[in-house]
Amino acid sequence: MMAANDDQRVKILQSLLTLSTDLSSIRSQLAPLPWDVEEALVVLTPDHLRTILERRIAGDLSSVEVEDWANLIEGRDDIGFDDEHASKLRAVVHELANPLLTRELTVETARDLISIL
């Protein structure tokens, strides 16, 4: 059973996955929370990534905002990855979080990433 503070944490993590609020607000809410937990409280799915990439294609999000979003997700133990697609999801999050190591997130890159999801 989750404690009340876990319920609040889940709400913050869900708002991160869906990017339903301002990223800077989500970042400040996440800041005091530890990254290391015993089990994931929310699960990142291909739909989450598809939605973020579609928002990038539409111009709703910049490549920097998507990079910041992915960096907030990457490495968190309280965010799990959909079991069926975990390796693809981890690879895409890594690519989005590390454009200097991988490739710049352009509209074409976003479409390419959607196609592999």
PDB file of N, CA and C in Angstrom:
ATOM      1  N   MET A   1       0.834  -1.189   0.000  1.00  0.00           N
ATOM      2  CA  MET A   1       0.000   0.000   0.000  1.00  0.00           C
ATOM      3  C   MET A   1       0.878   1.252   0.000  1.00  0.00           C
ATOM      4  N   MET A   2       0.541   2.220  -0.854  1.00  0.00           N
ATOM      5  CA  MET A   2       1.337   3.430  -0.952  1.00  0.00           C
ATOM      6  C   MET A   2       0.963   4.413   0.146  1.00  0.00           C
ATOM      7  N   ALA A   3       1.978   5.097   0.630  1.00  0.00           N
ATOM      8  CA  ALA A   3       1.749   6.144   1.613  1.00  0.00           C
ATOM      9  C   ALA A   3       1.233   7.390   0.895  1.00  0.00           C
ATOM     10  N   ALA A   4       0.699   8.337   1.677  1.00  0.00           N
ATOM     11  CA  ALA A   4       0.151   9.564   1.098  1.00  0.00           C
ATOM     12  C   ALA A   4       1.210  10.312   0.294  1.00  0.00           C
ATOM     13  N   ASN A   5       2.462  10.340   0.804  1.00  0.00           N
ATOM     14  CA  ASN A   5       3.517  11.043   0.067  1.00  0.00           C
ATOM     15  C   ASN A   5       3.853  10.321  -1.236  1.00  0.00           C
ATOM     16  N   ASP A   6       3.645   8.998  -1.293  1.00  0.00           N
ATOM     17  CA  ASP A   6       3.816   8.260  -2.544  1.00  0.00           C
ATOM     18  C   ASP A   6       2.746   8.659  -3.554  1.00  0.00           C
ATOM     19  N   ASP A   7       1.528   8.905  -3.074  1.00  0.00           N
ATOM     20  CA  ASP A   7       0.454   9.351  -3.966  1.00  0.00           C
ATOM     21  C   ASP A   7       0.829  10.667  -4.627  1.00  0.00           C
ATOM     22  N   GLN A   8       1.374  11.593  -3.844  1.00  0.00           N
ATOM     23  CA  GLN A   8       1.798  12.886  -4.385  1.00  0.00           C
ATOM     24  C   GLN A   8       2.948  12.689  -5.378  1.00  0.00           C
ATOM     25  N   ARG A   9       3.868  11.827  -5.028  1.00  0.00           N
ATOM     26  CA  ARG A   9       5.005  11.538  -5.914  1.00  0.00           C
ATOM     27  C   ARG A   9       4.513  10.956  -7.244  1.00  0.00           C
ATOM     28  N   VAL A  10       3.550  10.047  -7.186  1.00  0.00           N
ATOM     29  CA  VAL A  10       2.982   9.448  -8.395  1.00  0.00           C
ATOM     30  C   VAL A  10       2.367  10.537  -9.271  1.00  0.00           C
ATOM     31  N   LYS A  11       1.645  11.478  -8.676  1.00  0.00           N
ATOM     32  CA  LYS A  11       1.034  12.569  -9.443  1.00  0.00           C
ATOM     33  C   LYS A  11       2.104  13.412 -10.143  1.00  0.00           C
ATOM     34  N   ILE A  12       3.180  13.696  -9.437  1.00  0.00           N
ATOM     35  CA  ILE A  12       4.275  14.479 -10.030  1.00  0.00           C
ATOM     36  C   ILE A  12       4.913  13.696 -11.179  1.00  0.00           C
ATOM     37  N   LEU A  13       5.166  12.410 -10.953  1.00  0.00           N
ATOM     38  CA  LEU A  13       5.787  11.581 -11.988  1.00  0.00           C
ATOM     39  C   LEU A  13       4.872  11.430 -13.202  1.00  0.00           C
ATOM     40  N   GLN A  14       3.579  11.300 -12.966  1.00  0.00           N
ATOM     41  CA  GLN A  14       2.640  11.212 -14.090  1.00  0.00           C
ATOM     42  C   GLN A  14       2.614  12.507 -14.889  1.00  0.00           C
ATOM     43  N   SER A  15       2.692  13.630 -14.196  1.00  0.00           N
ATOM     44  CA  SER A  15       2.722  14.908 -14.916  1.00  0.00           C
ATOM     45  C   SER A  15       4.020  15.041 -15.708  1.00  0.00           C
ATOM     46  N   LEU A  16       5.094  14.435 -15.226  1.00  0.00           N
ATOM     47  CA  LEU A  16       6.345  14.410 -15.991  1.00  0.00           C
ATOM     48  C   LEU A  16       6.185  13.553 -17.243  1.00  0.00           C
ATOM     49  N   LEU A  17       5.683  12.333 -17.096  1.00  0.00           N
ATOM     50  CA  LEU A  17       5.557  11.436 -18.245  1.00  0.00           C
ATOM     51  C   LEU A  17       4.688  12.036 -19.350  1.00  0.00           C
ATOM     52  N   THR A  18       3.633  12.724 -18.953  1.00  0.00           N
ATOM     53  CA  THR A  18       2.716  13.304 -19.941  1.00  0.00           C
ATOM     54  C   THR A  18       3.072  14.743 -20.272  1.00  0.00           C
ATOM     55  N   LEU A  19       3.983  15.308 -19.516  1.00  0.00           N
ATOM     56  CA  LEU A  19       4.367  16.717 -19.643  1.00  0.00           C
ATOM     57  C   LEU A  19       3.124  17.592 -19.681  1.00  0.00           C
ATOM     58  N   SER A  20       2.264  17.357 -18.691  1.00  0.00           N
ATOM     59  CA  SER A  20       0.976  18.047 -18.627  1.00  0.00           C
ATOM     60  C   SER A  20       1.078  19.415 -17.968  1.00  0.00           C
ATOM     61  N   THR A  21       2.199  19.691 -17.335  1.00  0.00           N
ATOM     62  CA  THR A  21       2.438  21.014 -16.759  1.00  0.00           C
ATOM     63  C   THR A  21       3.812  21.496 -17.178  1.00  0.00           C
ATOM     64  N   ASP A  22       4.119  22.700 -16.822  1.00  0.00           N
ATOM     65  CA  ASP A  22       5.395  23.323 -17.158  1.00  0.00           C
ATOM     66  C   ASP A  22       6.570  22.500 -16.622  1.00  0.00           C
ATOM     67  N   LEU A  23       7.557  22.284 -17.472  1.00  0.00           N
ATOM     68  CA  LEU A  23       8.701  21.441 -17.107  1.00  0.00           C
ATOM     69  C   LEU A  23       9.470  21.998 -15.911  1.00  0.00           C
ATOM     70  N   SER A  24       9.613  23.307 -15.830  1.00  0.00           N
ATOM     71  CA  SER A  24      10.347  23.880 -14.696  1.00  0.00           C
ATOM     72  C   SER A  24       9.604  23.645 -13.382  1.00  0.00           C
ATOM     73  N   SER A  25       8.280  23.665 -13.433  1.00  0.00           N
ATOM     74  CA  SER A  25       7.480  23.370 -12.245  1.00  0.00           C
ATOM     75  C   SER A  25       7.652  21.912 -11.829  1.00  0.00           C
ATOM     76  N   ILE A  26       7.611  21.019 -12.815  1.00  0.00           N
ATOM     77  CA  ILE A  26       7.807  19.592 -12.528  1.00  0.00           C
ATOM     78  C   ILE A  26       9.200  19.370 -11.954  1.00  0.00           C
ATOM     79  N   ARG A  27      10.212  20.004 -12.544  1.00  0.00           N
ATOM     80  CA  ARG A  27      11.591  19.859 -12.066  1.00  0.00           C
ATOM     81  C   ARG A  27      11.707  20.280 -10.609  1.00  0.00           C
ATOM     82  N   SER A  28      11.097  21.401 -10.246  1.00  0.00           N
ATOM     83  CA  SER A  28      11.195  21.869  -8.859  1.00  0.00           C
ATOM     84  C   SER A  28      10.452  20.948  -7.890  1.00  0.00           C
ATOM     85  N   GLN A  29       9.357  20.331  -8.364  1.00  0.00           N
ATOM     86  CA  GLN A  29       8.632  19.378  -7.513  1.00  0.00           C
ATOM     87  C   GLN A  29       9.422  18.084  -7.340  1.00  0.00           C
ATOM     88  N   LEU A  30      10.179  17.698  -8.374  1.00  0.00           N
ATOM     89  CA  LEU A  30      10.972  16.468  -8.304  1.00  0.00           C
ATOM     90  C   LEU A  30      12.267  16.636  -7.511  1.00  0.00           C
ATOM     91  N   ALA A  31      12.787  17.852  -7.486  1.00  0.00           N
ATOM     92  CA  ALA A  31      14.103  18.112  -6.883  1.00  0.00           C
ATOM     93  C   ALA A  31      14.295  17.513  -5.490  1.00  0.00           C
ATOM     94  N   PRO A  32      13.324  17.662  -4.577  1.00  0.00           N
ATOM     95  CA  PRO A  32      13.552  17.115  -3.237  1.00  0.00           C
ATOM     96  C   PRO A  32      13.368  15.590  -3.140  1.00  0.00           C
ATOM     97  N   LEU A  33      12.846  14.980  -4.193  1.00  0.00           N
ATOM     98  CA  LEU A  33      12.575  13.544  -4.140  1.00  0.00           C
ATOM     99  C   LEU A  33      13.819  12.738  -4.525  1.00  0.00           C
ATOM    100  N   PRO A  34      14.138  11.691  -3.782  1.00  0.00           N
ATOM    101  CA  PRO A  34      15.281  10.856  -4.148  1.00  0.00           C
ATOM    102  C   PRO A  34      15.006  10.078  -5.447  1.00  0.00           C
ATOM    103  N   TRP A  35      16.052   9.835  -6.219  1.00  0.00           N
ATOM    104  CA  TRP A  35      15.930   9.072  -7.471  1.00  0.00           C
ATOM    105  C   TRP A  35      15.871   7.578  -7.194  1.00  0.00           C
ATOM    106  N   ASP A  36      16.577   7.159  -6.152  1.00  0.00           N
ATOM    107  CA  ASP A  36      16.671   5.733  -5.833  1.00  0.00           C
ATOM    108  C   ASP A  36      15.519   5.299  -4.938  1.00  0.00           C
ATOM    109  N   VAL A  37      14.692   4.413  -5.469  1.00  0.00           N
ATOM    110  CA  VAL A  37      13.606   3.824  -4.690  1.00  0.00           C
ATOM    111  C   VAL A  37      13.606   2.322  -4.974  1.00  0.00           C
ATOM    112  N   GLU A  38      12.866   1.582  -4.171  1.00  0.00           N
ATOM    113  CA  GLU A  38      12.873   0.124  -4.316  1.00  0.00           C
ATOM    114  C   GLU A  38      12.108  -0.361  -5.530  1.00  0.00           C
ATOM    115  N   GLU A  39      11.063   0.362  -5.921  1.00  0.00           N
ATOM    116  CA  GLU A  39      10.279  -0.076  -7.080  1.00  0.00           C
ATOM    117  C   GLU A  39       9.724   1.121  -7.832  1.00  0.00           C
ATOM    118  N   ALA A  40       9.473   0.906  -9.110  1.00  0.00           N
ATOM    119  CA  ALA A  40       8.907   1.958  -9.947  1.00  0.00           C
ATOM    120  C   ALA A  40       7.477   2.257  -9.507  1.00  0.00           C
ATOM    121  N   LEU A  41       7.131   3.527  -9.507  1.00  0.00           N
ATOM    122  CA  LEU A  41       5.789   3.944  -9.119  1.00  0.00           C
ATOM    123  C   LEU A  41       4.915   4.260 -10.328  1.00  0.00           C
ATOM    124  N   VAL A  42       5.556   4.572 -11.459  1.00  0.00           N
ATOM    125  CA  VAL A  42       4.853   4.822 -12.723  1.00  0.00           C
ATOM    126  C   VAL A  42       5.632   4.118 -13.830  1.00  0.00           C
ATOM    127  N   VAL A  43       4.981   3.928 -14.977  1.00  0.00           N
ATOM    128  CA  VAL A  43       5.599   3.210 -16.091  1.00  0.00           C
ATOM    129  C   VAL A  43       5.542   4.062 -17.360  1.00  0.00           C
ATOM    130  N   LEU A  44       6.689   4.258 -17.975  1.00  0.00           N
ATOM    131  CA  LEU A  44       6.781   4.951 -19.260  1.00  0.00           C
ATOM    132  C   LEU A  44       6.397   3.968 -20.357  1.00  0.00           C
ATOM    133  N   THR A  45       5.497   4.394 -21.229  1.00  0.00           N
ATOM    134  CA  THR A  45       5.028   3.535 -22.314  1.00  0.00           C
ATOM    135  C   THR A  45       5.404   4.155 -23.665  1.00  0.00           C
ATOM    136  N   PRO A  46       5.299   3.378 -24.744  1.00  0.00           N
ATOM    137  CA  PRO A  46       5.541   3.956 -26.069  1.00  0.00           C
ATOM    138  C   PRO A  46       4.628   5.146 -26.351  1.00  0.00           C
ATOM    139  N   ASP A  47       3.404   5.116 -25.852  1.00  0.00           N
ATOM    140  CA  ASP A  47       2.476   6.235 -26.070  1.00  0.00           C
ATOM    141  C   ASP A  47       2.991   7.535 -25.467  1.00  0.00           C
ATOM    142  N   HIS A  48       3.624   7.458 -24.287  1.00  0.00           N
ATOM    143  CA  HIS A  48       4.197   8.667 -23.690  1.00  0.00           C
ATOM    144  C   HIS A  48       5.234   9.273 -24.635  1.00  0.00           C
ATOM    145  N   LEU A  49       6.148   8.430 -25.107  1.00  0.00           N
ATOM    146  CA  LEU A  49       7.200   8.927 -25.995  1.00  0.00           C
ATOM    147  C   LEU A  49       6.626   9.430 -27.314  1.00  0.00           C
ATOM    148  N   ARG A  50       5.698   8.690 -27.870  1.00  0.00           N
ATOM    149  CA  ARG A  50       5.070   9.098 -29.135  1.00  0.00           C
ATOM    150  C   ARG A  50       4.442  10.480 -28.999  1.00  0.00           C
ATOM    151  N   THR A  51       3.726  10.693 -27.905  1.00  0.00           N
ATOM    152  CA  THR A  51       3.051  11.972 -27.677  1.00  0.00           C
ATOM    153  C   THR A  51       4.059  13.117 -27.581  1.00  0.00           C
ATOM    154  N   ILE A  52       5.138  12.908 -26.847  1.00  0.00           N
ATOM    155  CA  ILE A  52       6.164  13.952 -26.708  1.00  0.00           C
ATOM    156  C   ILE A  52       6.802  14.237 -28.073  1.00  0.00           C
ATOM    157  N   LEU A  53       7.121  13.183 -28.824  1.00  0.00           N
ATOM    158  CA  LEU A  53       7.734  13.370 -30.143  1.00  0.00           C
ATOM    159  C   LEU A  53       6.764  14.048 -31.114  1.00  0.00           C
ATOM    160  N   GLU A  54       5.493  13.709 -31.032  1.00  0.00           N
ATOM    161  CA  GLU A  54       4.496  14.372 -31.886  1.00  0.00           C
ATOM    162  C   GLU A  54       4.371  15.847 -31.527  1.00  0.00           C
ATOM    163  N   ARG A  55       4.486  16.160 -30.249  1.00  0.00           N
ATOM    164  CA  ARG A  55       4.458  17.568 -29.827  1.00  0.00           C
ATOM    165  C   ARG A  55       5.691  18.306 -30.343  1.00  0.00           C
ATOM    166  N   ARG A  56       6.824  17.614 -30.425  1.00  0.00           N
ATOM    167  CA  ARG A  56       8.033  18.218 -31.008  1.00  0.00           C
ATOM    168  C   ARG A  56       7.815  18.483 -32.495  1.00  0.00           C
ATOM    169  N   ILE A  57       7.254  17.516 -33.213  1.00  0.00           N
ATOM    170  CA  ILE A  57       6.992  17.659 -34.644  1.00  0.00           C
ATOM    171  C   ILE A  57       6.034  18.830 -34.898  1.00  0.00           C
ATOM    172  N   ALA A  58       5.018  18.965 -34.057  1.00  0.00           N
ATOM    173  CA  ALA A  58       4.024  20.032 -34.206  1.00  0.00           C
ATOM    174  C   ALA A  58       4.564  21.405 -33.812  1.00  0.00           C
ATOM    175  N   GLY A  59       5.744  21.434 -33.193  1.00  0.00           N
ATOM    176  CA  GLY A  59       6.318  22.703 -32.764  1.00  0.00           C
ATOM    177  C   GLY A  59       5.858  23.139 -31.389  1.00  0.00           C
ATOM    178  N   ASP A  60       5.117  22.278 -30.708  1.00  0.00           N
ATOM    179  CA  ASP A  60       4.637  22.563 -29.361  1.00  0.00           C
ATOM    180  C   ASP A  60       5.779  22.499 -28.351  1.00  0.00           C
ATOM    181  N   LEU A  61       6.781  21.662 -28.624  1.00  0.00           N
ATOM    182  CA  LEU A  61       7.960  21.524 -27.762  1.00  0.00           C
ATOM    183  C   LEU A  61       9.216  21.745 -28.595  1.00  0.00           C
ATOM    184  N   SER A  62      10.210  22.358 -27.999  1.00  0.00           N
ATOM    185  CA  SER A  62      11.505  22.518 -28.671  1.00  0.00           C
ATOM    186  C   SER A  62      12.358  21.280 -28.415  1.00  0.00           C
ATOM    187  N   SER A  63      13.419  21.138 -29.175  1.00  0.00           N
ATOM    188  CA  SER A  63      14.318  20.004 -28.947  1.00  0.00           C
ATOM    189  C   SER A  63      14.970  20.106 -27.567  1.00  0.00           C
ATOM    190  N   VAL A  64      15.230  21.313 -27.099  1.00  0.00           N
ATOM    191  CA  VAL A  64      15.817  21.501 -25.763  1.00  0.00           C
ATOM    192  C   VAL A  64      14.824  21.068 -24.676  1.00  0.00           C
ATOM    193  N   GLU A  65      13.555  21.392 -24.856  1.00  0.00           N
ATOM    194  CA  GLU A  65      12.542  20.969 -23.877  1.00  0.00           C
ATOM    195  C   GLU A  65      12.419  19.453 -23.836  1.00  0.00           C
ATOM    196  N   VAL A  66      12.481  18.816 -24.998  1.00  0.00           N
ATOM    197  CA  VAL A  66      12.404  17.353 -25.035  1.00  0.00           C
ATOM    198  C   VAL A  66      13.650  16.753 -24.379  1.00  0.00           C
ATOM    199  N   GLU A  67      14.807  17.341 -24.628  1.00  0.00           N
ATOM    200  CA  GLU A  67      16.050  16.881 -23.987  1.00  0.00           C
ATOM    201  C   GLU A  67      15.938  17.000 -22.469  1.00  0.00           C
ATOM    202  N   ASP A  68      15.460  18.148 -21.994  1.00  0.00           N
ATOM    203  CA  ASP A  68      15.293  18.343 -20.545  1.00  0.00           C
ATOM    204  C   ASP A  68      14.313  17.336 -19.965  1.00  0.00           C
ATOM    205  N   TRP A  69      13.211  17.106 -20.682  1.00  0.00           N
ATOM    206  CA  TRP A  69      12.209  16.121 -20.256  1.00  0.00           C
ATOM    207  C   TRP A  69      12.853  14.733 -20.114  1.00  0.00           C
ATOM    208  N   ALA A  70      13.582  14.322 -21.147  1.00  0.00           N
ATOM    209  CA  ALA A  70      14.213  12.995 -21.132  1.00  0.00           C
ATOM    210  C   ALA A  70      15.250  12.888 -20.022  1.00  0.00           C
ATOM    211  N   ASN A  71      15.972  13.972 -19.761  1.00  0.00           N
ATOM    212  CA  ASN A  71      16.960  13.957 -18.687  1.00  0.00           C
ATOM    213  C   ASN A  71      16.310  13.795 -17.322  1.00  0.00           C
ATOM    214  N   LEU A  72      15.100  14.323 -17.156  1.00  0.00           N
ATOM    215  CA  LEU A  72      14.399  14.146 -15.882  1.00  0.00           C
ATOM    216  C   LEU A  72      13.930  12.700 -15.699  1.00  0.00           C
ATOM    217  N   ILE A  73      13.745  11.987 -16.803  1.00  0.00           N
ATOM    218  CA  ILE A  73      13.282  10.594 -16.745  1.00  0.00           C
ATOM    219  C   ILE A  73      14.449   9.615 -16.616  1.00  0.00           C
ATOM    220  N   GLU A  74      15.501   9.861 -17.383  1.00  0.00           N
ATOM    221  CA  GLU A  74      16.619   8.911 -17.478  1.00  0.00           C
ATOM    222  C   GLU A  74      17.254   8.656 -16.112  1.00  0.00           C
ATOM    223  N   GLY A  75      17.366   7.393 -15.761  1.00  0.00           N
ATOM    224  CA  GLY A  75      18.055   7.002 -14.530  1.00  0.00           C
ATOM    225  C   GLY A  75      17.221   7.007 -13.264  1.00  0.00           C
ATOM    226  N   ARG A  76      15.974   7.421 -13.347  1.00  0.00           N
ATOM    227  CA  ARG A  76      15.122   7.433 -12.150  1.00  0.00           C
ATOM    228  C   ARG A  76      14.621   6.023 -11.868  1.00  0.00           C
ATOM    229  N   ASP A  77      14.772   5.561 -10.645  1.00  0.00           N
ATOM    230  CA  ASP A  77      14.265   4.242 -10.256  1.00  0.00           C
ATOM    231  C   ASP A  77      12.758   4.246 -10.022  1.00  0.00           C
ATOM    232  N   ASP A  78      12.190   5.439  -9.817  1.00  0.00           N
ATOM    233  CA  ASP A  78      10.744   5.496  -9.569  1.00  0.00           C
ATOM    234  C   ASP A  78       9.939   5.529 -10.870  1.00  0.00           C
ATOM    235  N   ILE A  79      10.638   5.525 -12.017  1.00  0.00           N
ATOM    236  CA  ILE A  79       9.980   5.429 -13.319  1.00  0.00           C
ATOM    237  C   ILE A  79      10.422   4.132 -13.974  1.00  0.00           C
ATOM    238  N   GLY A  80       9.462   3.256 -14.216  1.00  0.00           N
ATOM    239  CA  GLY A  80       9.752   1.999 -14.886  1.00  0.00           C
ATOM    240  C   GLY A  80       9.498   2.131 -16.380  1.00  0.00           C
ATOM    241  N   PHE A  81       9.849   1.091 -17.114  1.00  0.00           N
ATOM    242  CA  PHE A  81       9.648   1.055 -18.560  1.00  0.00           C
ATOM    243  C   PHE A  81       8.744  -0.113 -18.895  1.00  0.00           C
ATOM    244  N   ASP A  82       7.765   0.133 -19.748  1.00  0.00           N
ATOM    245  CA  ASP A  82       6.846  -0.904 -20.213  1.00  0.00           C
ATOM    246  C   ASP A  82       7.665  -2.150 -20.571  1.00  0.00           C
ATOM    247  N   ASP A  83       7.379  -3.279 -19.903  1.00  0.00           N
ATOM    248  CA  ASP A  83       8.189  -4.494 -20.055  1.00  0.00           C
ATOM    249  C   ASP A  83       8.350  -4.943 -21.500  1.00  0.00           C
ATOM    250  N   GLU A  84       7.293  -4.894 -22.259  1.00  0.00           N
ATOM    251  CA  GLU A  84       7.321  -5.385 -23.628  1.00  0.00           C
ATOM    252  C   GLU A  84       8.233  -4.560 -24.538  1.00  0.00           C
ATOM    253  N   HIS A  85       8.407  -3.283 -24.203  1.00  0.00           N
ATOM    254  CA  HIS A  85       9.178  -2.370 -25.051  1.00  0.00           C
ATOM    255  C   HIS A  85      10.353  -1.731 -24.318  1.00  0.00           C
ATOM    256  N   ALA A  86      10.749  -2.276 -23.189  1.00  0.00           N
ATOM    257  CA  ALA A  86      11.733  -1.624 -22.318  1.00  0.00           C
ATOM    258  C   ALA A  86      13.024  -1.245 -23.023  1.00  0.00           C
ATOM    259  N   SER A  87      13.604  -2.142 -23.809  1.00  0.00           N
ATOM    260  CA  SER A  87      14.895  -1.823 -24.424  1.00  0.00           C
ATOM    261  C   SER A  87      14.764  -0.686 -25.431  1.00  0.00           C
ATOM    262  N   LYS A  88      13.695  -0.683 -26.235  1.00  0.00           N
ATOM    263  CA  LYS A  88      13.468   0.418 -27.184  1.00  0.00           C
ATOM    264  C   LYS A  88      13.235   1.728 -26.445  1.00  0.00           C
ATOM    265  N   LEU A  89      12.424   1.674 -25.401  1.00  0.00           N
ATOM    266  CA  LEU A  89      12.117   2.883 -24.648  1.00  0.00           C
ATOM    267  C   LEU A  89      13.369   3.465 -24.005  1.00  0.00           C
ATOM    268  N   ARG A  90      14.182   2.599 -23.397  1.00  0.00           N
ATOM    269  CA  ARG A  90      15.430   3.077 -22.780  1.00  0.00           C
ATOM    270  C   ARG A  90      16.341   3.710 -23.833  1.00  0.00           C
ATOM    271  N   ALA A  91      16.424   3.079 -25.007  1.00  0.00           N
ATOM    272  CA  ALA A  91      17.271   3.603 -26.078  1.00  0.00           C
ATOM    273  C   ALA A  91      16.791   4.969 -26.556  1.00  0.00           C
ATOM    274  N   VAL A  92      15.485   5.122 -26.722  1.00  0.00           N
ATOM    275  CA  VAL A  92      14.939   6.401 -27.191  1.00  0.00           C
ATOM    276  C   VAL A  92      15.128   7.481 -26.124  1.00  0.00           C
ATOM    277  N   VAL A  93      14.856   7.165 -24.874  1.00  0.00           N
ATOM    278  CA  VAL A  93      15.057   8.149 -23.801  1.00  0.00           C
ATOM    279  C   VAL A  93      16.528   8.553 -23.748  1.00  0.00           C
ATOM    280  N   HIS A  94      17.423   7.586 -23.862  1.00  0.00           N
ATOM    281  CA  HIS A  94      18.862   7.900 -23.866  1.00  0.00           C
ATOM    282  C   HIS A  94      19.204   8.833 -25.026  1.00  0.00           C
ATOM    283  N   GLU A  95      18.686   8.537 -26.206  1.00  0.00           N
ATOM    284  CA  GLU A  95      18.959   9.376 -27.377  1.00  0.00           C
ATOM    285  C   GLU A  95      18.423  10.788 -27.179  1.00  0.00           C
ATOM    286  N   LEU A  96      17.217  10.901 -26.667  1.00  0.00           N
ATOM    287  CA  LEU A  96      16.625  12.220 -26.449  1.00  0.00           C
ATOM    288  C   LEU A  96      17.368  13.016 -25.381  1.00  0.00           C
ATOM    289  N   ALA A  97      17.853  12.327 -24.357  1.00  0.00           N
ATOM    290  CA  ALA A  97      18.540  13.000 -23.248  1.00  0.00           C
ATOM    291  C   ALA A  97      19.977  13.382 -23.596  1.00  0.00           C
ATOM    292  N   ASN A  98      20.517  12.784 -24.654  1.00  0.00           N
ATOM    293  CA  ASN A  98      21.945  12.972 -24.971  1.00  0.00           C
ATOM    294  C   ASN A  98      22.177  13.303 -26.444  1.00  0.00           C
ATOM    295  N   PRO A  99      21.611  14.407 -26.940  1.00  0.00           N
ATOM    296  CA  PRO A  99      21.751  14.711 -28.368  1.00  0.00           C
ATOM    297  C   PRO A  99      23.195  14.966 -28.807  1.00  0.00           C
ATOM    298  N   LEU A 100      24.053  15.385 -27.894  1.00  0.00           N
ATOM    299  CA  LEU A 100      25.456  15.604 -28.268  1.00  0.00           C
ATOM    300  C   LEU A 100      26.184  14.281 -28.486  1.00  0.00           C
ATOM    301  N   LEU A 101      25.705  13.228 -27.831  1.00  0.00           N
ATOM    302  CA  LEU A 101      26.310  11.902 -28.001  1.00  0.00           C
ATOM    303  C   LEU A 101      25.636  11.099 -29.109  1.00  0.00           C
ATOM    304  N   THR A 102      24.382  11.434 -29.414  1.00  0.00           N
ATOM    305  CA  THR A 102      23.616  10.651 -30.383  1.00  0.00           C
ATOM    306  C   THR A 102      23.368  11.483 -31.633  1.00  0.00           C
ATOM    307  N   ARG A 103      22.241  12.158 -31.704  1.00  0.00           N
ATOM    308  CA  ARG A 103      21.931  13.044 -32.833  1.00  0.00           C
ATOM    309  C   ARG A 103      20.943  14.101 -32.393  1.00  0.00           C
ATOM    310  N   GLU A 104      20.950  15.208 -33.091  1.00  0.00           N
ATOM    311  CA  GLU A 104      20.041  16.315 -32.798  1.00  0.00           C
ATOM    312  C   GLU A 104      18.594  15.881 -33.038  1.00  0.00           C
ATOM    313  N   LEU A 105      17.700  16.376 -32.207  1.00  0.00           N
ATOM    314  CA  LEU A 105      16.288  16.043 -32.357  1.00  0.00           C
ATOM    315  C   LEU A 105      15.639  17.027 -33.331  1.00  0.00           C
ATOM    316  N   THR A 106      15.579  16.639 -34.574  1.00  0.00           N
ATOM    317  CA  THR A 106      14.894  17.417 -35.600  1.00  0.00           C
ATOM    318  C   THR A 106      13.515  16.807 -35.807  1.00  0.00           C
ATOM    319  N   VAL A 107      12.731  17.419 -36.659  1.00  0.00           N
ATOM    320  CA  VAL A 107      11.420  16.858 -36.999  1.00  0.00           C
ATOM    321  C   VAL A 107      11.610  15.481 -37.633  1.00  0.00           C
ATOM    322  N   GLU A 108      12.607  15.344 -38.516  1.00  0.00           N
ATOM    323  CA  GLU A 108      12.871  14.053 -39.162  1.00  0.00           C
ATOM    324  C   GLU A 108      13.317  13.006 -38.146  1.00  0.00           C
ATOM    325  N   THR A 109      14.181  13.402 -37.232  1.00  0.00           N
ATOM    326  CA  THR A 109      14.635  12.482 -36.187  1.00  0.00           C
ATOM    327  C   THR A 109      13.449  12.028 -35.338  1.00  0.00           C
ATOM    328  N   ALA A 110      12.578  12.960 -34.997  1.00  0.00           N
ATOM    329  CA  ALA A 110      11.392  12.621 -34.196  1.00  0.00           C
ATOM    330  C   ALA A 110      10.519  11.616 -34.946  1.00  0.00           C
ATOM    331  N   ARG A 111      10.333  11.832 -36.233  1.00  0.00           N
ATOM    332  CA  ARG A 111       9.527  10.880 -37.023  1.00  0.00           C
ATOM    333  C   ARG A 111      10.197   9.507 -37.066  1.00  0.00           C
ATOM    334  N   ASP A 112      11.513   9.493 -37.202  1.00  0.00           N
ATOM    335  CA  ASP A 112      12.269   8.246 -37.224  1.00  0.00           C
ATOM    336  C   ASP A 112      12.094   7.501 -35.895  1.00  0.00           C
ATOM    337  N   LEU A 113      12.188   8.225 -34.794  1.00  0.00           N
ATOM    338  CA  LEU A 113      12.036   7.600 -33.472  1.00  0.00           C
ATOM    339  C   LEU A 113      10.626   7.069 -33.268  1.00  0.00           C
ATOM    340  N   ILE A 114       9.632   7.793 -33.744  1.00  0.00           N
ATOM    341  CA  ILE A 114       8.240   7.302 -33.656  1.00  0.00           C
ATOM    342  C   ILE A 114       8.101   5.996 -34.423  1.00  0.00           C
ATOM    343  N   SER A 115       8.751   5.919 -35.571  1.00  0.00           N
ATOM    344  CA  SER A 115       8.619   4.701 -36.398  1.00  0.00           C
ATOM    345  C   SER A 115       9.215   3.469 -35.735  1.00  0.00           C
ATOM    346  N   ILE A 116      10.212   3.642 -34.874  1.00  0.00           N
ATOM    347  CA  ILE A 116      10.793   2.466 -34.210  1.00  0.00           C
ATOM    348  C   ILE A 116      10.046   2.087 -32.943  1.00  0.00           C
ATOM    349  N   LEU A 117       9.178   2.982 -32.480  1.00  0.00           N
ATOM    350  CA  LEU A 117       8.381   2.664 -31.289  1.00  0.00           C
ATOM    351  C   LEU A 117       7.253   1.740 -31.700  1.00  0.00           C
TER     352      LEU A 117
END
